[in-house]
Amino acid sequence: MTQFSIRNRLLSFMVPLLLVVWGIFSAVVYSLTQDELQESHVAQAFQLAKALANLSNDRVSSFLIDEAHVFEDYYVEIRASDGKVLYKSSQMVAVPKELKTGMQEVRSGEKDWIIWTFPGEDTDQTYIVGIYVGEARDILRQTVLGVSLPLAIVFVFSIFATIYIVKRGLDPLTSLSQSLKVQEPEKLGKLETGNQPTELVPIVRSLNSLFDRIEDHLEREQRFIDDAAHEIRTPLTVVKAQCQVIERDKLDEATRQRFDNIMKGVDRATYLAAKLLEHARTGQDQNMVQKEQDLLPILQQSLAQQAHLADAKGIELQLLRAAHAKTIVDADDLGTILSNLIGNALRHTPENGQISAILRDEGECWTICIEDSGPGIQEAYRDKVFERFFSQNPAQSDRGAGLGLSIVRSLSKRNGIEISVAESESLGGASFSLKFKKSNDTQTMM
């Protein structure tokens, strides 16, 4: 795809806009000022023609002049050297006999006039030209308004137009920002450079290089956790095997207590190593195969795998309602999710308690609910239970490693499963809900 430039994009919008604005502004100013200036020029030309005609003992007819023109706003007078008035355009204006050369302001009746006095070079005559101050101010005001008002309108229009153009011109930045916003931390991927403007190509390349380094770092961390979990499990298995050889019944009470503590610590370390390994594998996508699956067999298998643990605590583990439900999901990931949720319920449900699993049709989606009769999860902690190593009651360290629900959230996100936690209405404990999108050819069999 051909690359483009943000600078050229902005210029391609701004230059035509400025030309259009300039043209509109000039046309509006011309339209608003031409009438006033034309009236002024006509009135001045008429007074000049009258003065010239008078010198030739003639008069100028005004039938061609618009009656709307006010000729009394301009004044022309010619005086002889002795002060005798040779010509006077209007008898309504009384100009003082003594006038200084150049411009001055005089008052005649109720009007103020600006008078220019010009002495003749070849004769001793004096030529006096005047304009009514109000008319001069009208011309000035009309000219200023003719420029200011259009300029203000153009200024406001230019602001909005500039904002729009800049927004359009910076669309590539907005698009890049949106791409980065939806970028998954587990799947950084690569940003395309072919459809980016030339100014953003170096930035995109730098981001891609950063993503590569981050992915390498994450892979090294995952490999480290994977290797560490493997290395830890092997000696723990050996330690546990050696301990199991010891005849517990032959130990005295104090030694038997220490022996039980050792076994409990080994079991917890083994469980933690297994969870660390499982957590590391949640970030590895290469073995994930999402295809249409029936949720019911996977749920039944997950319940059956932990039935012996429920029996050991006297917990009733049951599947209340179920339906064959098809959706697109990775079977191994879903099995891990369900095993962690059921295991979490078993750890927090007291002896002789109850755990139930429900698979139901909710119209647009399938829902699996795992509910228990345990203490439940306080509402203030329901958003935090999916964080790594979080515990609602840190004093109870034997309840797990704090990684199970974190694994559940990671795998659910990877498979597009919506997970939530609430209070169980029937059992009073915690209720974890998994929502699955239905596949197109879903068939429900009750």
Protein backbone atom coordinates (compact mmCIF):
# COMPACT_ATOMS: atom_id res chain seq x y z
CA MET A 1 0.00 0.00 0.00
CA THR A 2 1.28 3.47 -0.89
CA GLN A 3 2.44 5.46 2.10
CA PHE A 4 1.32 9.03 2.64
CA SER A 5 2.46 11.99 4.72
CA ILE A 6 0.54 13.64 7.54
CA ARG A 7 2.14 16.95 6.60
CA ASN A 8 1.01 16.68 2.98
CA ARG A 9 -2.40 15.51 4.14
CA LEU A 10 -2.83 18.62 6.31
CA LEU A 11 -1.50 20.93 3.60
CA SER A 12 -3.86 19.44 1.02
CA PHE A 13 -6.75 20.44 3.26
CA MET A 14 -5.41 23.76 4.59
CA VAL A 15 -4.22 25.41 1.37
CA PRO A 16 -7.54 25.07 -0.50
CA LEU A 17 -9.36 26.14 2.66
CA LEU A 18 -7.26 29.28 2.98
CA LEU A 19 -7.84 30.12 -0.68
CA VAL A 20 -11.59 29.69 -0.30
CA VAL A 21 -11.62 31.74 2.91
CA TRP A 22 -9.58 34.48 1.28
CA GLY A 23 -11.93 34.60 -1.68
CA ILE A 24 -15.06 34.68 0.49
CA PHE A 25 -13.58 37.33 2.76
CA SER A 26 -12.59 39.55 -0.14
CA ALA A 27 -16.00 39.22 -1.75
CA VAL A 28 -17.86 40.04 1.46
CA VAL A 29 -15.64 43.06 2.25
CA TYR A 30 -16.04 44.36 -1.29
CA SER A 31 -19.80 43.93 -1.15
CA LEU A 32 -20.17 45.67 2.22
CA THR A 33 -17.95 48.69 1.45
CA GLN A 34 -18.56 49.35 -2.23
CA ASP A 35 -21.96 51.06 -1.78
CA GLU A 36 -20.76 53.52 0.85
CA LEU A 37 -17.58 54.36 -1.03
CA GLN A 38 -19.44 54.69 -4.33
CA GLU A 39 -21.91 57.12 -2.79
CA SER A 40 -19.01 59.16 -1.40
CA HIS A 41 -17.22 59.21 -4.75
CA VAL A 42 -20.37 60.22 -6.63
CA ALA A 43 -21.06 63.06 -4.21
CA GLN A 44 -17.48 64.30 -4.45
CA ALA A 45 -17.48 64.03 -8.25
CA PHE A 46 -20.76 65.97 -8.43
CA GLN A 47 -19.39 68.79 -6.28
CA LEU A 48 -16.27 68.92 -8.42
CA ALA A 49 -18.35 69.03 -11.61
CA LYS A 50 -20.47 71.87 -10.17
CA ALA A 51 -17.36 73.86 -9.37
CA LEU A 52 -15.91 73.37 -12.85
CA ALA A 53 -19.21 74.22 -14.51
CA ASN A 54 -19.48 77.39 -12.46
CA LEU A 55 -16.09 78.54 -13.71
CA SER A 56 -17.52 78.26 -17.21
CA ASN A 57 -20.73 80.03 -16.23
CA ASP A 58 -22.63 76.78 -16.54
CA ARG A 59 -24.57 74.40 -14.29
CA VAL A 60 -24.52 70.64 -13.87
CA SER A 61 -27.78 68.77 -14.06
CA SER A 62 -28.40 66.27 -11.24
CA PHE A 63 -31.07 64.14 -12.96
CA LEU A 64 -28.52 61.32 -13.48
CA ILE A 65 -27.63 61.27 -9.79
CA ASP A 66 -29.49 59.11 -7.31
CA GLU A 67 -31.54 61.36 -5.03
CA ALA A 68 -30.47 59.22 -2.06
CA HIS A 69 -27.00 60.79 -2.25
CA VAL A 70 -26.51 63.56 0.28
CA PHE A 71 -24.57 66.32 -1.47
CA GLU A 72 -24.64 68.62 1.55
CA ASP A 73 -22.00 66.44 3.20
CA TYR A 74 -19.34 67.91 0.87
CA TYR A 75 -18.42 71.54 0.43
CA VAL A 76 -16.37 73.46 -2.17
CA GLU A 77 -15.54 77.18 -2.06
CA ILE A 78 -13.25 79.45 -4.13
CA ARG A 79 -12.12 82.82 -2.75
CA ALA A 80 -10.35 85.72 -4.40
CA SER A 81 -7.29 87.33 -2.88
CA ASP A 82 -9.45 89.96 -1.18
CA GLY A 83 -11.62 87.31 0.46
CA LYS A 84 -14.50 87.66 -1.97
CA VAL A 85 -16.32 84.38 -2.53
CA LEU A 86 -16.12 83.47 -6.20
CA TYR A 87 -17.88 80.10 -5.82
CA LYS A 88 -19.71 78.36 -3.04
CA SER A 89 -21.32 74.93 -3.44
CA SER A 90 -23.80 75.42 -0.59
CA GLN A 91 -25.22 78.42 1.19
CA MET A 92 -25.90 76.26 4.25
CA VAL A 93 -22.22 76.18 5.22
CA ALA A 94 -20.59 79.21 6.81
CA VAL A 95 -16.81 78.93 6.70
CA PRO A 96 -14.78 81.45 8.73
CA LYS A 97 -13.01 84.16 6.74
CA GLU A 98 -9.70 83.43 8.37
CA LEU A 99 -8.46 79.94 7.55
CA LYS A 100 -5.01 78.51 7.91
CA THR A 101 -3.41 76.60 5.12
CA GLY A 102 -3.86 72.82 5.33
CA MET A 103 -6.41 70.82 7.26
CA GLN A 104 -8.49 72.06 10.15
CA GLU A 105 -11.79 71.36 11.79
CA VAL A 106 -14.42 74.11 11.94
CA ARG A 107 -18.00 74.31 13.11
CA SER A 108 -20.83 75.69 11.03
CA GLY A 109 -24.21 75.74 12.68
CA GLU A 110 -24.71 72.34 14.26
CA LYS A 111 -22.25 70.55 12.02
CA ASP A 112 -18.55 70.00 12.37
CA TRP A 113 -16.53 70.08 9.16
CA ILE A 114 -13.07 69.04 8.18
CA ILE A 115 -11.70 71.77 5.91
CA TRP A 116 -8.71 71.66 3.56
CA THR A 117 -7.39 75.04 2.41
CA PHE A 118 -5.22 75.12 -0.72
CA PRO A 119 -3.63 78.44 -1.94
CA GLY A 120 -3.24 78.88 -5.69
CA GLU A 121 0.29 79.16 -7.11
CA ASP A 122 -0.44 81.24 -10.21
CA THR A 123 -3.21 83.32 -8.66
CA ASP A 124 -3.98 84.62 -5.21
CA GLN A 125 -7.17 82.61 -5.05
CA THR A 126 -7.86 80.17 -2.25
CA TYR A 127 -9.53 76.81 -2.80
CA ILE A 128 -11.48 75.36 0.11
CA VAL A 129 -12.73 71.77 0.20
CA GLY A 130 -14.66 70.37 3.15
CA ILE A 131 -16.37 67.19 4.28
CA TYR A 132 -18.93 66.78 7.02
CA VAL A 133 -17.36 65.03 10.02
CA GLY A 134 -20.36 62.70 10.33
CA GLU A 135 -19.94 61.58 6.74
CA ALA A 136 -16.22 60.94 7.28
CA ARG A 137 -17.04 58.89 10.35
CA ASP A 138 -19.72 56.99 8.44
CA ILE A 139 -17.19 56.08 5.78
CA LEU A 140 -14.67 55.04 8.42
CA ARG A 141 -17.25 53.05 10.39
CA GLN A 142 -18.60 51.35 7.29
CA THR A 143 -15.11 50.45 6.18
CA VAL A 144 -14.16 49.10 9.58
CA LEU A 145 -17.39 47.13 9.89
CA GLY A 146 -16.99 45.93 6.35
CA VAL A 147 -13.63 44.47 7.29
CA SER A 148 -14.16 43.49 10.95
CA LEU A 149 -17.45 41.61 10.70
CA PRO A 150 -16.40 39.36 7.79
CA LEU A 151 -13.02 38.88 9.44
CA ALA A 152 -14.71 37.77 12.68
CA ILE A 153 -16.96 35.36 10.77
CA VAL A 154 -14.03 34.02 8.80
CA PHE A 155 -11.99 33.69 12.00
CA VAL A 156 -14.69 31.61 13.70
CA PHE A 157 -15.16 29.52 10.57
CA SER A 158 -11.41 29.03 10.27
CA ILE A 159 -11.19 27.80 13.87
CA PHE A 160 -13.82 25.10 13.33
CA ALA A 161 -12.44 24.24 9.91
CA THR A 162 -8.91 23.99 11.30
CA ILE A 163 -10.09 21.75 14.15
CA TYR A 164 -11.86 19.50 11.66
CA ILE A 165 -8.92 19.40 9.28
CA VAL A 166 -6.40 18.71 12.04
CA LYS A 167 -8.65 15.95 13.35
CA ARG A 168 -8.88 14.44 9.87
CA GLY A 169 -5.18 14.89 9.34
CA LEU A 170 -4.36 13.17 12.62
CA ASP A 171 -6.68 10.23 11.98
CA PRO A 172 -3.64 7.96 11.45
CA LEU A 173 -2.47 8.79 14.99
CA THR A 174 -5.93 8.02 16.35
CA SER A 175 -5.99 4.76 14.43
CA LEU A 176 -2.55 3.82 15.76
CA SER A 177 -3.69 4.69 19.28
CA GLN A 178 -6.75 2.45 18.94
CA SER A 179 -4.60 -0.37 17.64
CA LEU A 180 -2.32 -0.09 20.66
CA LYS A 181 -5.31 0.17 23.00
CA VAL A 182 -6.75 -3.19 21.92
CA GLN A 183 -3.35 -4.87 21.77
CA GLU A 184 -3.33 -7.88 24.05
CA PRO A 185 -0.32 -8.05 26.40
CA GLU A 186 -0.11 -11.79 25.74
CA LYS A 187 -0.26 -11.28 21.96
CA LEU A 188 1.64 -8.14 21.11
CA GLY A 189 2.07 -9.11 17.47
CA LYS A 190 3.27 -6.69 14.80
CA LEU A 191 1.86 -3.36 13.69
CA GLU A 192 1.56 -2.90 9.94
CA THR A 193 3.80 -0.23 8.43
CA GLY A 194 2.50 -0.34 4.86
CA ASN A 195 -0.63 1.71 5.58
CA GLN A 196 1.05 4.17 7.96
CA PRO A 197 2.05 7.75 7.04
CA THR A 198 5.74 8.36 6.54
CA GLU A 199 6.04 10.30 9.82
CA LEU A 200 4.70 7.33 11.83
CA VAL A 201 6.71 4.57 10.16
CA PRO A 202 9.80 5.06 12.42
CA ILE A 203 7.54 5.06 15.50
CA VAL A 204 5.73 1.90 14.40
CA ARG A 205 9.02 0.18 13.70
CA SER A 206 10.33 1.17 17.13
CA LEU A 207 7.13 -0.16 18.73
CA ASN A 208 7.47 -3.44 16.84
CA SER A 209 11.05 -3.72 18.02
CA LEU A 210 9.89 -3.04 21.59
CA PHE A 211 7.16 -5.69 21.24
CA ASP A 212 9.76 -8.20 20.08
CA ARG A 213 11.93 -7.50 23.12
CA ILE A 214 8.94 -7.74 25.45
CA GLU A 215 7.87 -11.06 23.91
CA ASP A 216 11.41 -12.40 24.28
CA HIS A 217 11.43 -11.30 27.91
CA LEU A 218 8.04 -12.93 28.58
CA GLU A 219 9.14 -16.13 26.89
CA ARG A 220 12.28 -16.25 29.04
CA GLU A 221 10.20 -15.75 32.17
CA GLN A 222 7.76 -18.47 31.14
CA ARG A 223 10.61 -20.86 30.39
CA PHE A 224 12.17 -20.02 33.75
CA ILE A 225 8.90 -20.76 35.62
CA ASP A 226 8.41 -23.92 33.58
CA ASP A 227 11.95 -25.15 34.26
CA ALA A 228 11.82 -24.11 37.92
CA ALA A 229 8.53 -25.94 38.45
CA HIS A 230 9.94 -29.07 36.84
CA GLU A 231 13.13 -28.87 38.88
CA ILE A 232 11.23 -28.28 42.12
CA ARG A 233 8.76 -31.12 41.60
CA THR A 234 11.46 -33.76 41.17
CA PRO A 235 13.20 -33.35 44.58
CA LEU A 236 9.83 -32.84 46.25
CA THR A 237 8.65 -36.17 44.88
CA VAL A 238 11.81 -37.81 46.18
CA VAL A 239 11.38 -36.22 49.62
CA LYS A 240 7.76 -37.32 49.81
CA ALA A 241 8.63 -40.86 48.72
CA GLN A 242 11.32 -41.08 51.42
CA CYS A 243 8.93 -39.77 54.04
CA GLN A 244 6.27 -42.27 53.08
CA VAL A 245 8.72 -45.09 53.83
CA ILE A 246 8.89 -43.99 57.44
CA GLU A 247 6.50 -45.93 59.69
CA ARG A 248 4.50 -43.13 61.23
CA ASP A 249 2.86 -45.29 63.90
CA LYS A 250 6.23 -46.11 65.47
CA LEU A 251 7.06 -42.42 66.06
CA ASP A 252 6.41 -40.70 69.38
CA GLU A 253 3.76 -38.00 69.51
CA ALA A 254 6.11 -35.03 69.13
CA THR A 255 8.00 -36.62 66.25
CA ARG A 256 4.74 -37.67 64.61
CA GLN A 257 3.56 -34.04 64.73
CA ARG A 258 6.76 -32.84 63.10
CA PHE A 259 6.45 -35.60 60.52
CA ASP A 260 2.89 -34.49 59.65
CA ASN A 261 4.08 -30.90 59.30
CA ILE A 262 6.83 -32.03 56.92
CA MET A 263 4.34 -33.99 54.81
CA LYS A 264 1.94 -31.06 54.74
CA GLY A 265 4.74 -28.69 53.67
CA VAL A 266 5.88 -31.08 50.93
CA ASP A 267 2.30 -31.42 49.66
CA ARG A 268 1.84 -27.65 49.60
CA ALA A 269 5.17 -27.10 47.81
CA THR A 270 4.25 -29.80 45.27
CA TYR A 271 0.87 -28.20 44.71
CA LEU A 272 2.46 -24.75 44.32
CA ALA A 273 5.00 -26.08 41.80
CA ALA A 274 2.18 -27.68 39.80
CA LYS A 275 0.23 -24.44 39.79
CA LEU A 276 3.29 -22.43 38.75
CA LEU A 277 3.82 -24.81 35.86
CA GLU A 278 0.15 -24.58 34.92
CA HIS A 279 0.26 -20.78 35.14
CA ALA A 280 3.30 -20.66 32.87
CA ARG A 281 1.54 -22.77 30.29
CA THR A 282 -1.46 -20.41 30.13
CA GLY A 283 0.69 -18.00 28.13
CA GLN A 284 1.69 -20.60 25.56
CA ASP A 285 -0.74 -20.65 22.62
CA GLN A 286 0.97 -23.10 20.34
CA ASN A 287 -0.91 -26.13 21.71
CA MET A 288 -4.32 -24.44 21.90
CA VAL A 289 -6.88 -25.75 19.41
CA GLN A 290 -10.23 -24.00 19.48
CA LYS A 291 -12.98 -25.98 17.84
CA GLU A 292 -16.58 -26.90 18.50
CA GLN A 293 -16.92 -28.82 21.75
CA ASP A 294 -19.78 -30.26 23.80
CA LEU A 295 -19.57 -28.68 27.25
CA LEU A 296 -21.44 -31.45 29.11
CA PRO A 297 -18.83 -34.26 28.79
CA ILE A 298 -16.01 -31.91 29.81
CA LEU A 299 -17.98 -30.76 32.86
CA GLN A 300 -18.86 -34.34 33.82
CA GLN A 301 -15.23 -35.43 33.50
CA SER A 302 -14.01 -32.52 35.65
CA LEU A 303 -16.50 -33.44 38.37
CA ALA A 304 -15.55 -37.12 38.23
CA GLN A 305 -11.83 -36.36 38.55
CA GLN A 306 -12.36 -34.67 41.91
CA ALA A 307 -15.13 -36.87 43.28
CA HIS A 308 -12.69 -38.70 45.58
CA LEU A 309 -11.61 -35.43 47.19
CA ALA A 310 -15.25 -34.55 47.81
CA ASP A 311 -15.86 -37.98 49.36
CA ALA A 312 -12.88 -37.56 51.66
CA LYS A 313 -14.46 -34.41 53.14
CA GLY A 314 -17.99 -35.71 53.03
CA ILE A 315 -18.99 -33.05 50.51
CA GLU A 316 -21.92 -33.70 48.22
CA LEU A 317 -20.69 -32.98 44.67
CA GLN A 318 -23.57 -33.00 42.21
CA LEU A 319 -24.59 -31.97 38.71
CA LEU A 320 -28.05 -30.46 39.14
CA ARG A 321 -29.12 -29.43 35.65
CA ALA A 322 -27.35 -30.13 32.40
CA ALA A 323 -27.84 -29.93 28.67
CA HIS A 324 -25.70 -30.86 25.69
CA ALA A 325 -24.25 -27.53 24.68
CA LYS A 326 -21.91 -26.83 21.77
CA THR A 327 -19.50 -23.93 21.64
CA ILE A 328 -16.10 -23.00 20.23
CA VAL A 329 -13.46 -23.55 22.90
CA ASP A 330 -10.19 -25.36 23.61
CA ALA A 331 -11.07 -28.56 25.48
CA ASP A 332 -7.85 -28.67 27.53
CA ASP A 333 -8.23 -25.04 28.59
CA LEU A 334 -11.87 -25.58 29.60
CA GLY A 335 -10.91 -28.72 31.56
CA THR A 336 -8.28 -26.73 33.45
CA ILE A 337 -10.75 -23.92 34.15
CA LEU A 338 -13.39 -26.28 35.53
CA SER A 339 -10.87 -28.28 37.56
CA ASN A 340 -9.57 -25.12 39.20
CA LEU A 341 -13.05 -23.82 39.99
CA ILE A 342 -14.19 -27.16 41.44
CA GLY A 343 -10.92 -27.54 43.37
CA ASN A 344 -11.28 -24.00 44.72
CA ALA A 345 -14.83 -24.83 45.88
CA LEU A 346 -13.61 -28.04 47.56
CA ARG A 347 -10.90 -26.19 49.50
CA HIS A 348 -13.29 -23.55 50.83
CA THR A 349 -16.32 -25.73 51.51
CA PRO A 350 -16.41 -27.18 55.04
CA GLU A 351 -16.89 -30.88 55.69
CA ASN A 352 -20.34 -32.31 54.92
CA GLY A 353 -20.98 -29.29 52.73
CA GLN A 354 -22.38 -29.15 49.22
CA ILE A 355 -21.09 -28.21 45.75
CA SER A 356 -23.29 -28.07 42.70
CA ALA A 357 -22.64 -27.58 38.99
CA ILE A 358 -25.28 -26.25 36.62
CA LEU A 359 -25.15 -26.10 32.81
CA ARG A 360 -28.06 -24.15 31.40
CA ASP A 361 -29.27 -22.40 28.25
CA GLU A 362 -29.67 -18.63 28.61
CA GLY A 363 -30.82 -17.82 25.10
CA GLU A 364 -27.81 -16.21 23.47
CA CYS A 365 -25.23 -18.11 25.51
CA TRP A 366 -24.50 -21.22 27.58
CA THR A 367 -23.72 -20.77 31.26
CA ILE A 368 -21.88 -23.08 33.66
CA CYS A 369 -22.24 -22.21 37.35
CA ILE A 370 -20.09 -23.75 40.10
CA GLU A 371 -21.68 -23.04 43.50
CA ASP A 372 -20.69 -24.08 47.02
CA SER A 373 -21.89 -23.83 50.61
CA GLY A 374 -18.66 -22.31 51.87
CA PRO A 375 -18.12 -18.87 53.43
CA GLY A 376 -18.44 -17.16 50.07
CA ILE A 377 -16.51 -14.13 48.80
CA GLN A 378 -17.12 -10.67 50.19
CA GLU A 379 -18.34 -8.21 47.58
CA ALA A 380 -15.32 -5.95 48.15
CA TYR A 381 -12.98 -8.81 47.16
CA ARG A 382 -14.85 -10.17 44.13
CA ASP A 383 -12.74 -8.17 41.66
CA LYS A 384 -9.50 -9.19 43.37
CA VAL A 385 -9.95 -12.94 43.73
CA PHE A 386 -8.59 -13.45 40.20
CA GLU A 387 -5.28 -11.76 41.05
CA ARG A 388 -2.24 -13.95 41.63
CA PHE A 389 -1.55 -14.97 45.23
CA PHE A 390 -4.62 -13.12 46.53
CA SER A 391 -6.25 -14.53 49.64
CA GLN A 392 -9.41 -13.29 51.29
CA ASN A 393 -8.08 -14.60 54.60
CA PRO A 394 -4.23 -14.59 54.54
CA ALA A 395 -4.15 -16.35 57.91
CA GLN A 396 -5.50 -19.52 56.30
CA SER A 397 -2.41 -20.45 54.32
CA ASP A 398 -3.54 -24.03 53.75
CA ARG A 399 -6.32 -23.03 51.38
CA GLY A 400 -4.18 -23.07 48.22
CA ALA A 401 -1.42 -21.33 46.31
CA GLY A 402 -3.45 -18.35 45.18
CA LEU A 403 -2.87 -19.13 41.51
CA GLY A 404 -5.91 -21.21 40.56
CA LEU A 405 -8.32 -18.34 39.91
CA SER A 406 -5.61 -16.33 38.15
CA ILE A 407 -5.17 -19.29 35.79
CA VAL A 408 -8.95 -19.44 35.34
CA ARG A 409 -9.09 -15.77 34.32
CA SER A 410 -6.17 -16.06 31.87
CA LEU A 411 -7.59 -19.14 30.15
CA SER A 412 -11.10 -17.68 30.08
CA LYS A 413 -9.84 -14.51 28.43
CA ARG A 414 -7.90 -16.55 25.88
CA ASN A 415 -11.03 -18.52 24.93
CA GLY A 416 -13.47 -15.61 24.96
CA ILE A 417 -15.28 -16.89 28.06
CA GLU A 418 -16.94 -14.32 30.31
CA ILE A 419 -16.39 -15.14 34.00
CA SER A 420 -18.01 -13.55 37.04
CA VAL A 421 -18.39 -14.28 40.75
CA ALA A 422 -21.38 -13.69 43.00
CA GLU A 423 -23.18 -15.17 45.99
CA SER A 424 -24.99 -18.47 45.55
CA GLU A 425 -28.71 -18.00 46.16
CA SER A 426 -29.30 -21.70 46.87
CA LEU A 427 -26.18 -22.69 48.83
CA GLY A 428 -25.11 -19.36 50.35
CA GLY A 429 -21.45 -19.60 49.36
CA ALA A 430 -19.61 -18.47 46.23
CA SER A 431 -21.01 -18.84 42.73
CA PHE A 432 -18.67 -18.70 39.72
CA SER A 433 -20.37 -18.30 36.33
CA LEU A 434 -18.85 -19.04 32.92
CA LYS A 435 -20.65 -17.70 29.84
CA PHE A 436 -19.97 -19.25 26.41
CA LYS A 437 -21.08 -18.01 23.01
CA LYS A 438 -23.22 -20.48 21.14
CA SER A 439 -21.93 -21.94 17.91
CA ASN A 440 -24.01 -21.35 14.78
CA ASP A 441 -25.31 -24.90 14.46
CA THR A 442 -26.04 -25.42 18.16
CA GLN A 443 -28.56 -28.16 18.93
CA THR A 444 -29.84 -28.50 22.47
CA MET A 445 -30.82 -31.88 23.81
CA MET A 446 -32.35 -32.01 27.27
